[in-house]
Amino acid sequence: MSRTLSVAAFSAALLVPAAALAHHGWSSYDIDKVIRHTARLSDVVWGNPHGSAKVGYQGRTWGVVPAPVARMQSRGLTREMLISGRPVTLEGYPRVDGSSEMRVERITVDGKTVELR
């Protein structure tokens, strides 16, 4: 029984660093370059560790990374407010590596501005 427990604990310990590496850190975004853009959302996903969506920006499709679901809900942003096709104004930061993704700091939808950080 203790051998099984040891193997399980070892296996779990190996998975934690892999999960941490799979998630991008907030230091991957350039906080000196603020993007403010109004566009229609597409491909909206409401999930954890945070939601996601896409918008057209500068002739490309950009990934949008908002806050975790619990934080969005606690600040008044609901799943019904973030649906594909809905126009929103996003304020956030682009990735430092130049890829088409932004970390969203605030979002305005239906005249309501929600701070996400």
N, C-alpha and C. Protein backbone atom coordinates (compact mmCIF):
# COMPACT_ATOMS: atom_id res chain seq x y z
N MET A 1 0.82 -1.19 0.00
CA MET A 1 0.00 0.00 0.00
C MET A 1 0.86 1.26 0.00
N SER A 2 1.95 1.29 0.78
CA SER A 2 2.77 2.48 0.84
C SER A 2 3.54 2.67 -0.47
N ARG A 3 3.87 1.59 -1.17
CA ARG A 3 4.55 1.71 -2.47
C ARG A 3 3.61 2.38 -3.48
N THR A 4 2.34 2.01 -3.48
CA THR A 4 1.36 2.60 -4.38
C THR A 4 1.21 4.09 -4.10
N LEU A 5 1.17 4.44 -2.81
CA LEU A 5 1.05 5.84 -2.43
C LEU A 5 2.28 6.62 -2.86
N SER A 6 3.46 6.04 -2.70
CA SER A 6 4.70 6.70 -3.11
C SER A 6 4.74 6.94 -4.62
N VAL A 7 4.32 5.95 -5.38
CA VAL A 7 4.30 6.09 -6.84
C VAL A 7 3.31 7.19 -7.24
N ALA A 8 2.14 7.21 -6.61
CA ALA A 8 1.14 8.23 -6.91
C ALA A 8 1.66 9.63 -6.58
N ALA A 9 2.31 9.78 -5.43
CA ALA A 9 2.84 11.08 -5.02
C ALA A 9 3.95 11.54 -5.98
N PHE A 10 4.80 10.62 -6.37
CA PHE A 10 5.88 10.94 -7.31
C PHE A 10 5.31 11.37 -8.66
N SER A 11 4.31 10.65 -9.13
CA SER A 11 3.68 10.98 -10.41
C SER A 11 3.04 12.36 -10.36
N ALA A 12 2.36 12.67 -9.27
CA ALA A 12 1.73 13.99 -9.12
C ALA A 12 2.79 15.09 -9.09
N ALA A 13 3.90 14.83 -8.43
CA ALA A 13 4.98 15.83 -8.35
C ALA A 13 5.56 16.12 -9.74
N LEU A 14 5.59 15.12 -10.60
CA LEU A 14 6.09 15.34 -11.95
C LEU A 14 5.13 16.18 -12.80
N LEU A 15 3.86 16.08 -12.52
CA LEU A 15 2.86 16.80 -13.32
C LEU A 15 2.78 18.28 -12.97
N VAL A 16 3.07 18.66 -11.75
CA VAL A 16 2.94 20.06 -11.34
C VAL A 16 3.84 20.99 -12.15
N PRO A 17 5.15 20.70 -12.31
CA PRO A 17 5.97 21.60 -13.12
C PRO A 17 5.50 21.66 -14.57
N ALA A 18 5.03 20.55 -15.13
CA ALA A 18 4.55 20.55 -16.51
C ALA A 18 3.36 21.48 -16.66
N ALA A 19 2.45 21.45 -15.70
CA ALA A 19 1.27 22.32 -15.76
C ALA A 19 1.69 23.78 -15.62
N ALA A 20 2.65 24.05 -14.77
CA ALA A 20 3.11 25.43 -14.58
C ALA A 20 3.77 25.96 -15.84
N LEU A 21 4.54 25.13 -16.54
CA LEU A 21 5.19 25.56 -17.76
C LEU A 21 4.20 25.75 -18.90
N ALA A 22 3.12 25.01 -18.88
CA ALA A 22 2.14 25.10 -19.96
C ALA A 22 1.39 26.42 -19.92
N HIS A 23 1.28 27.05 -18.76
CA HIS A 23 0.57 28.31 -18.64
C HIS A 23 1.54 29.47 -18.81
N HIS A 24 1.16 30.42 -19.62
CA HIS A 24 2.00 31.59 -19.82
C HIS A 24 1.93 32.48 -18.59
N GLY A 25 3.04 33.12 -18.26
CA GLY A 25 3.06 34.03 -17.12
C GLY A 25 2.70 35.43 -17.56
N TRP A 26 2.28 36.26 -16.62
CA TRP A 26 1.92 37.63 -16.96
C TRP A 26 3.13 38.43 -17.39
N SER A 27 4.34 37.99 -17.05
CA SER A 27 5.54 38.70 -17.51
C SER A 27 5.73 38.55 -19.01
N SER A 28 4.93 37.73 -19.66
CA SER A 28 5.00 37.54 -21.11
C SER A 28 4.34 38.69 -21.86
N TYR A 29 3.78 39.66 -21.14
CA TYR A 29 3.06 40.77 -21.77
C TYR A 29 3.77 42.08 -21.51
N ASP A 30 3.76 42.98 -22.49
CA ASP A 30 4.46 44.26 -22.42
C ASP A 30 3.54 45.33 -21.84
N ILE A 31 3.70 45.60 -20.54
CA ILE A 31 2.81 46.56 -19.86
C ILE A 31 3.11 48.01 -20.26
N ASP A 32 4.15 48.23 -21.05
CA ASP A 32 4.44 49.58 -21.53
C ASP A 32 3.71 49.90 -22.83
N LYS A 33 3.05 48.91 -23.42
CA LYS A 33 2.32 49.10 -24.68
C LYS A 33 0.85 48.77 -24.46
N VAL A 34 0.07 49.78 -24.18
CA VAL A 34 -1.36 49.57 -23.92
C VAL A 34 -2.12 49.52 -25.24
N ILE A 35 -2.94 48.51 -25.39
CA ILE A 35 -3.83 48.40 -26.54
C ILE A 35 -5.24 48.76 -26.07
N ARG A 36 -5.89 49.62 -26.81
CA ARG A 36 -7.31 49.93 -26.57
C ARG A 36 -8.00 49.74 -27.90
N HIS A 37 -8.93 48.79 -27.93
CA HIS A 37 -9.52 48.41 -29.21
C HIS A 37 -10.97 47.97 -29.02
N THR A 38 -11.82 48.42 -29.93
CA THR A 38 -13.21 47.99 -29.93
C THR A 38 -13.42 47.04 -31.10
N ALA A 39 -14.00 45.88 -30.81
CA ALA A 39 -14.21 44.87 -31.85
C ALA A 39 -15.29 43.90 -31.39
N ARG A 40 -15.74 43.08 -32.30
CA ARG A 40 -16.69 42.01 -31.97
C ARG A 40 -15.92 40.77 -31.54
N LEU A 41 -16.35 40.16 -30.46
CA LEU A 41 -15.73 38.94 -29.97
C LEU A 41 -16.09 37.75 -30.87
N SER A 42 -15.18 36.81 -30.95
CA SER A 42 -15.48 35.53 -31.59
C SER A 42 -14.81 34.42 -30.78
N ASP A 43 -15.24 33.22 -30.99
CA ASP A 43 -14.65 32.04 -30.35
C ASP A 43 -14.50 32.19 -28.83
N VAL A 44 -15.53 32.71 -28.19
CA VAL A 44 -15.49 32.96 -26.74
C VAL A 44 -15.53 31.63 -25.99
N VAL A 45 -14.60 31.49 -25.03
CA VAL A 45 -14.57 30.32 -24.14
C VAL A 45 -14.63 30.85 -22.71
N TRP A 46 -15.58 30.36 -21.94
CA TRP A 46 -15.76 30.74 -20.53
C TRP A 46 -15.25 29.57 -19.72
N GLY A 47 -14.03 29.65 -19.22
CA GLY A 47 -13.46 28.53 -18.49
C GLY A 47 -12.24 28.92 -17.69
N ASN A 48 -11.69 27.95 -17.00
CA ASN A 48 -10.52 28.17 -16.15
C ASN A 48 -9.31 27.49 -16.77
N PRO A 49 -8.09 27.98 -16.58
CA PRO A 49 -7.72 28.95 -15.55
C PRO A 49 -8.18 30.37 -15.86
N HIS A 50 -8.53 30.65 -17.12
CA HIS A 50 -9.15 31.92 -17.49
C HIS A 50 -9.85 31.68 -18.82
N GLY A 51 -10.74 32.56 -19.16
CA GLY A 51 -11.44 32.42 -20.42
C GLY A 51 -10.56 32.83 -21.58
N SER A 52 -11.14 32.82 -22.77
CA SER A 52 -10.42 33.27 -23.95
C SER A 52 -11.44 33.70 -24.99
N ALA A 53 -10.96 34.46 -25.94
CA ALA A 53 -11.77 34.89 -27.07
C ALA A 53 -10.82 35.35 -28.16
N LYS A 54 -11.39 35.74 -29.28
CA LYS A 54 -10.60 36.28 -30.38
C LYS A 54 -11.26 37.56 -30.87
N VAL A 55 -10.42 38.47 -31.38
CA VAL A 55 -10.90 39.70 -32.00
C VAL A 55 -10.01 40.01 -33.19
N GLY A 56 -10.56 40.77 -34.13
CA GLY A 56 -9.74 41.28 -35.23
C GLY A 56 -9.04 42.54 -34.77
N TYR A 57 -7.73 42.62 -35.02
CA TYR A 57 -6.95 43.80 -34.63
C TYR A 57 -5.73 43.88 -35.55
N GLN A 58 -5.49 45.04 -36.13
CA GLN A 58 -4.36 45.29 -37.02
C GLN A 58 -4.28 44.26 -38.16
N GLY A 59 -5.45 43.91 -38.70
CA GLY A 59 -5.49 43.01 -39.84
C GLY A 59 -5.22 41.55 -39.52
N ARG A 60 -5.17 41.21 -38.24
CA ARG A 60 -4.93 39.82 -37.82
C ARG A 60 -5.96 39.43 -36.77
N THR A 61 -6.06 38.14 -36.52
CA THR A 61 -6.90 37.64 -35.44
C THR A 61 -6.04 37.54 -34.19
N TRP A 62 -6.50 38.19 -33.14
CA TRP A 62 -5.76 38.21 -31.87
C TRP A 62 -6.48 37.37 -30.84
N GLY A 63 -5.70 36.63 -30.04
CA GLY A 63 -6.22 35.94 -28.89
C GLY A 63 -6.39 36.92 -27.75
N VAL A 64 -7.46 36.77 -27.00
CA VAL A 64 -7.77 37.65 -25.88
C VAL A 64 -7.76 36.81 -24.61
N VAL A 65 -6.98 37.24 -23.61
CA VAL A 65 -6.85 36.50 -22.36
C VAL A 65 -7.40 37.36 -21.22
N PRO A 66 -8.63 37.09 -20.78
CA PRO A 66 -9.17 37.84 -19.65
C PRO A 66 -8.77 37.19 -18.32
N ALA A 67 -9.40 37.60 -17.26
CA ALA A 67 -9.12 37.09 -15.91
C ALA A 67 -9.79 35.73 -15.70
N PRO A 68 -9.47 35.07 -14.59
CA PRO A 68 -10.18 33.83 -14.24
C PRO A 68 -11.69 34.09 -14.10
N VAL A 69 -12.47 33.07 -14.37
CA VAL A 69 -13.93 33.18 -14.33
C VAL A 69 -14.43 33.73 -13.00
N ALA A 70 -13.93 33.22 -11.89
CA ALA A 70 -14.40 33.67 -10.57
C ALA A 70 -14.18 35.17 -10.39
N ARG A 71 -13.05 35.67 -10.86
CA ARG A 71 -12.77 37.10 -10.72
C ARG A 71 -13.70 37.91 -11.61
N MET A 72 -13.90 37.45 -12.84
CA MET A 72 -14.80 38.18 -13.73
C MET A 72 -16.20 38.25 -13.13
N GLN A 73 -16.69 37.13 -12.62
CA GLN A 73 -18.03 37.10 -12.03
C GLN A 73 -18.12 37.98 -10.79
N SER A 74 -17.10 37.96 -9.95
CA SER A 74 -17.14 38.76 -8.73
C SER A 74 -17.13 40.26 -9.03
N ARG A 75 -16.66 40.61 -10.21
CA ARG A 75 -16.62 42.02 -10.59
C ARG A 75 -17.78 42.41 -11.51
N GLY A 76 -18.70 41.48 -11.71
CA GLY A 76 -19.91 41.82 -12.44
C GLY A 76 -19.93 41.45 -13.91
N LEU A 77 -18.92 40.77 -14.39
CA LEU A 77 -18.88 40.35 -15.78
C LEU A 77 -19.41 38.92 -15.87
N THR A 78 -20.46 38.73 -16.62
CA THR A 78 -21.09 37.42 -16.69
C THR A 78 -20.86 36.75 -18.04
N ARG A 79 -21.11 35.46 -18.06
CA ARG A 79 -20.98 34.69 -19.30
C ARG A 79 -21.88 35.28 -20.39
N GLU A 80 -23.06 35.72 -20.01
CA GLU A 80 -24.01 36.27 -20.97
C GLU A 80 -23.51 37.58 -21.59
N MET A 81 -22.62 38.30 -20.88
CA MET A 81 -22.08 39.55 -21.41
C MET A 81 -20.98 39.31 -22.44
N LEU A 82 -20.30 38.17 -22.35
CA LEU A 82 -19.19 37.85 -23.26
C LEU A 82 -19.61 36.72 -24.19
N ILE A 83 -20.26 37.10 -25.26
CA ILE A 83 -20.70 36.10 -26.23
C ILE A 83 -20.14 36.47 -27.61
N SER A 84 -19.96 35.48 -28.43
CA SER A 84 -19.46 35.72 -29.78
C SER A 84 -20.41 36.66 -30.53
N GLY A 85 -19.82 37.62 -31.23
CA GLY A 85 -20.58 38.60 -31.99
C GLY A 85 -20.83 39.90 -31.27
N ARG A 86 -20.65 39.91 -29.95
CA ARG A 86 -20.91 41.12 -29.17
C ARG A 86 -19.72 42.08 -29.29
N PRO A 87 -20.00 43.37 -29.56
CA PRO A 87 -18.92 44.35 -29.58
C PRO A 87 -18.49 44.70 -28.16
N VAL A 88 -17.19 44.78 -27.96
CA VAL A 88 -16.62 45.15 -26.66
C VAL A 88 -15.43 46.08 -26.90
N THR A 89 -15.08 46.83 -25.88
CA THR A 89 -13.85 47.60 -25.92
C THR A 89 -12.90 46.95 -24.92
N LEU A 90 -11.72 46.61 -25.40
CA LEU A 90 -10.72 45.94 -24.59
C LEU A 90 -9.55 46.88 -24.33
N GLU A 91 -9.02 46.84 -23.14
CA GLU A 91 -7.78 47.52 -22.81
C GLU A 91 -6.85 46.49 -22.21
N GLY A 92 -5.67 46.38 -22.78
CA GLY A 92 -4.73 45.39 -22.28
C GLY A 92 -3.36 45.54 -22.89
N TYR A 93 -2.59 44.46 -22.79
CA TYR A 93 -1.19 44.49 -23.20
C TYR A 93 -0.89 43.37 -24.19
N PRO A 94 -0.05 43.66 -25.19
CA PRO A 94 0.34 42.62 -26.14
C PRO A 94 1.45 41.74 -25.57
N ARG A 95 1.58 40.56 -26.15
CA ARG A 95 2.69 39.68 -25.75
C ARG A 95 4.02 40.30 -26.18
N VAL A 96 5.05 40.09 -25.39
CA VAL A 96 6.37 40.64 -25.70
C VAL A 96 7.01 39.94 -26.89
N ASP A 97 6.61 38.71 -27.17
CA ASP A 97 7.23 37.97 -28.28
C ASP A 97 6.63 38.33 -29.64
N GLY A 98 5.67 39.26 -29.67
CA GLY A 98 5.10 39.70 -30.92
C GLY A 98 3.95 38.86 -31.45
N SER A 99 3.61 37.78 -30.75
CA SER A 99 2.49 36.98 -31.21
C SER A 99 1.18 37.74 -30.97
N SER A 100 0.17 37.38 -31.70
CA SER A 100 -1.11 38.11 -31.68
C SER A 100 -1.98 37.68 -30.51
N GLU A 101 -1.63 38.16 -29.33
CA GLU A 101 -2.39 37.85 -28.12
C GLU A 101 -2.29 39.02 -27.18
N MET A 102 -3.40 39.32 -26.50
CA MET A 102 -3.38 40.40 -25.51
C MET A 102 -3.97 39.93 -24.18
N ARG A 103 -3.37 40.39 -23.13
CA ARG A 103 -3.88 40.20 -21.76
C ARG A 103 -4.79 41.37 -21.47
N VAL A 104 -6.03 41.09 -21.15
CA VAL A 104 -7.03 42.15 -20.96
C VAL A 104 -7.05 42.62 -19.51
N GLU A 105 -6.92 43.93 -19.33
CA GLU A 105 -6.97 44.55 -18.01
C GLU A 105 -8.36 45.05 -17.66
N ARG A 106 -9.06 45.55 -18.68
CA ARG A 106 -10.44 46.02 -18.47
C ARG A 106 -11.20 45.81 -19.75
N ILE A 107 -12.49 45.62 -19.58
CA ILE A 107 -13.37 45.39 -20.70
C ILE A 107 -14.63 46.21 -20.52
N THR A 108 -15.08 46.82 -21.61
CA THR A 108 -16.32 47.57 -21.58
C THR A 108 -17.30 46.87 -22.51
N VAL A 109 -18.44 46.51 -21.95
CA VAL A 109 -19.48 45.84 -22.72
C VAL A 109 -20.82 46.42 -22.30
N ASP A 110 -21.63 46.77 -23.28
CA ASP A 110 -22.95 47.37 -23.00
C ASP A 110 -22.84 48.59 -22.09
N GLY A 111 -21.78 49.40 -22.26
CA GLY A 111 -21.61 50.62 -21.47
C GLY A 111 -21.06 50.39 -20.06
N LYS A 112 -20.80 49.16 -19.69
CA LYS A 112 -20.27 48.86 -18.35
C LYS A 112 -18.80 48.48 -18.46
N THR A 113 -17.94 49.18 -17.71
CA THR A 113 -16.52 48.87 -17.69
C THR A 113 -16.19 48.04 -16.47
N VAL A 114 -15.47 46.94 -16.69
CA VAL A 114 -15.11 46.01 -15.61
C VAL A 114 -13.59 45.91 -15.56
N GLU A 115 -13.04 46.18 -14.37
CA GLU A 115 -11.60 46.02 -14.13
C GLU A 115 -11.33 44.56 -13.86
N LEU A 116 -10.39 43.95 -14.57
CA LEU A 116 -10.14 42.53 -14.42
C LEU A 116 -8.91 42.22 -13.58
N ARG A 117 -8.07 43.15 -13.28
CA ARG A 117 -6.86 42.85 -12.48
C ARG A 117 -6.93 43.44 -11.11
